[in-house]
């Protein structure tokens, strides 16, 4: 309920909900909303700040640190979309959503992997075997 008004709080709530062994943990929308919260909250804020302060300027220790924080957020977005896709499985009812989530994930994944999506399918297939990463 706080996704639009307070994405950072939504992240906290979604991460907490996904920790419990319940239906919420196995629901694709939990992870989709987590990705959206990361995108609309901390990533959007940090990305705008990075562009305003460091874009088209020589690399500095501060710009490098800011980029690393952005990369960590992108990794959380990728992980969240991968979990949404993986929990959706092959159910025909979720096919359209899976396509959209895959397209969104691909943008971040390629940025983090030098323009290629090599390994993305394997990442999706194995993501549920790894713990949900904490909020950065």
Protein backbone atom coordinates (compact mmCIF):
# COMPACT_ATOMS: atom_id res chain seq x y z
CA UNK A 1 0.00 0.00 0.00
CA UNK A 2 2.99 2.30 0.39
CA UNK A 3 4.50 1.45 -3.00
CA UNK A 4 3.57 4.76 -4.65
CA UNK A 5 3.78 7.06 -1.65
CA UNK A 6 6.84 5.63 0.12
CA UNK A 7 8.76 3.08 -1.97
CA UNK A 8 11.50 2.79 0.66
CA UNK A 9 8.99 1.69 3.29
CA UNK A 10 7.44 -0.68 0.73
CA UNK A 11 10.88 -2.28 0.25
CA UNK A 12 11.16 -2.90 3.99
CA UNK A 13 7.67 -4.38 4.16
CA UNK A 14 8.10 -6.58 1.08
CA UNK A 15 11.47 -7.90 2.23
CA UNK A 16 9.99 -8.73 5.62
CA UNK A 17 6.95 -10.44 4.07
CA UNK A 18 9.14 -12.49 1.72
CA UNK A 19 11.10 -13.90 4.67
CA UNK A 20 8.14 -15.85 6.04
CA UNK A 21 7.31 -19.33 4.79
CA UNK A 22 3.93 -18.35 3.39
CA UNK A 23 2.08 -17.92 0.12
CA UNK A 24 3.48 -14.38 -0.14
CA UNK A 25 6.99 -15.82 -0.48
CA UNK A 26 5.82 -17.91 -3.46
CA UNK A 27 3.81 -15.16 -5.16
CA UNK A 28 5.40 -13.48 -8.22
CA UNK A 29 3.79 -10.11 -7.48
CA UNK A 30 5.73 -9.87 -4.19
CA UNK A 31 9.00 -9.73 -6.11
CA UNK A 32 7.62 -7.64 -8.96
CA UNK A 33 6.47 -5.01 -6.44
CA UNK A 34 9.87 -5.22 -4.75
CA UNK A 35 11.59 -4.47 -8.08
CA UNK A 36 9.19 -1.57 -8.71
CA UNK A 37 9.83 -0.20 -5.21
CA UNK A 38 13.60 -0.30 -5.76
CA UNK A 39 13.19 1.37 -9.17
CA UNK A 40 10.79 4.09 -8.03
CA UNK A 41 12.48 4.81 -4.74
CA UNK A 42 16.20 4.60 -4.06
CA UNK A 43 17.30 3.85 -7.63
CA UNK A 44 15.40 6.79 -9.11
CA UNK A 45 16.71 9.15 -6.44
CA UNK A 46 20.32 7.97 -6.66
CA UNK A 47 20.32 7.83 -10.44
CA UNK A 48 19.06 11.41 -10.71
CA UNK A 49 21.63 12.59 -8.17
CA UNK A 50 24.39 10.73 -10.00
CA UNK A 51 23.42 12.28 -13.34
CA UNK A 52 23.26 15.77 -11.88
CA UNK A 53 26.56 15.55 -10.03
CA UNK A 54 28.79 13.21 -12.03
CA UNK A 55 27.51 12.78 -15.60
CA UNK A 56 30.03 13.65 -18.33
CA UNK A 57 32.73 14.45 -15.80
CA UNK A 58 36.01 12.68 -15.06
CA UNK A 59 35.79 9.77 -12.63
CA UNK A 60 36.51 10.64 -9.01
CA UNK A 61 36.47 8.57 -5.83
CA UNK A 62 33.06 10.08 -5.04
CA UNK A 63 31.62 9.27 -8.47
CA UNK A 64 33.02 5.75 -8.28
CA UNK A 65 31.40 5.21 -4.86
CA UNK A 66 28.08 6.61 -6.11
CA UNK A 67 28.19 4.33 -9.15
CA UNK A 68 28.87 1.32 -6.92
CA UNK A 69 25.77 2.16 -4.88
CA UNK A 70 23.75 2.38 -8.09
CA UNK A 71 25.16 -0.95 -9.23
CA UNK A 72 24.10 -2.55 -5.94
CA UNK A 73 20.57 -1.23 -6.43
CA UNK A 74 20.53 -2.53 -10.01
CA UNK A 75 21.59 -5.94 -8.68
CA UNK A 76 18.63 -5.87 -6.26
CA UNK A 77 16.27 -4.95 -9.11
CA UNK A 78 17.63 -7.77 -11.27
CA UNK A 79 17.28 -10.22 -8.38
CA UNK A 80 13.71 -9.12 -7.70
CA UNK A 81 12.62 -9.46 -11.33
CA UNK A 82 14.34 -12.85 -11.55
CA UNK A 83 12.42 -14.03 -8.49
CA UNK A 84 9.14 -12.77 -9.96
CA UNK A 85 9.84 -14.64 -13.20
CA UNK A 86 10.97 -17.80 -11.41
CA UNK A 87 7.98 -17.93 -9.05
CA UNK A 88 5.60 -17.33 -11.97
CA UNK A 89 6.84 -20.53 -13.55
CA UNK A 90 5.30 -21.51 -16.87
CA UNK A 91 1.67 -20.79 -16.00
CA UNK A 92 -0.01 -19.45 -19.18
CA UNK A 93 -1.85 -16.87 -17.04
CA UNK A 94 1.45 -15.21 -16.18
CA UNK A 95 3.00 -15.33 -19.65
CA UNK A 96 2.44 -11.64 -20.47
CA UNK A 97 3.76 -10.54 -17.08
CA UNK A 98 6.83 -12.78 -17.45
CA UNK A 99 7.59 -11.20 -20.83
CA UNK A 100 7.33 -7.68 -19.38
CA UNK A 101 9.40 -8.58 -16.32
CA UNK A 102 12.03 -10.23 -18.49
CA UNK A 103 12.29 -7.13 -20.67
CA UNK A 104 12.67 -4.90 -17.60
CA UNK A 105 15.21 -7.22 -16.02
CA UNK A 106 17.17 -7.49 -19.25
CA UNK A 107 17.86 -3.75 -19.33
CA UNK A 108 19.53 -3.80 -15.91
CA UNK A 109 21.16 -7.19 -16.42
CA UNK A 110 22.80 -6.09 -19.68
CA UNK A 111 24.04 -2.88 -18.10
CA UNK A 112 25.66 -4.89 -15.31
CA UNK A 113 27.09 -7.50 -17.72
CA UNK A 114 28.75 -5.40 -20.42
CA UNK A 115 25.76 -5.27 -22.77
CA UNK A 116 25.06 -8.99 -22.89
CA UNK A 117 22.31 -11.14 -21.45
CA UNK A 118 24.54 -14.22 -21.36
CA UNK A 119 23.79 -16.13 -18.18
CA UNK A 120 20.48 -14.38 -17.52
CA UNK A 121 18.37 -17.52 -18.02
CA UNK A 122 20.64 -19.47 -15.71
CA UNK A 123 20.43 -16.70 -13.14
CA UNK A 124 16.62 -16.80 -13.25
CA UNK A 125 16.61 -20.59 -12.98
CA UNK A 126 18.84 -20.56 -9.90
CA UNK A 127 17.71 -17.42 -8.09
CA UNK A 128 15.25 -19.16 -5.77
CA UNK A 129 18.07 -21.33 -4.42
CA UNK A 130 19.79 -18.22 -3.03
CA UNK A 131 18.72 -16.07 -0.09
CA UNK A 132 16.84 -12.86 -0.80
CA UNK A 133 19.43 -10.08 -0.62
CA UNK A 134 18.95 -7.49 2.11
CA UNK A 135 18.19 -3.87 1.42
CA UNK A 136 21.43 -2.06 0.61
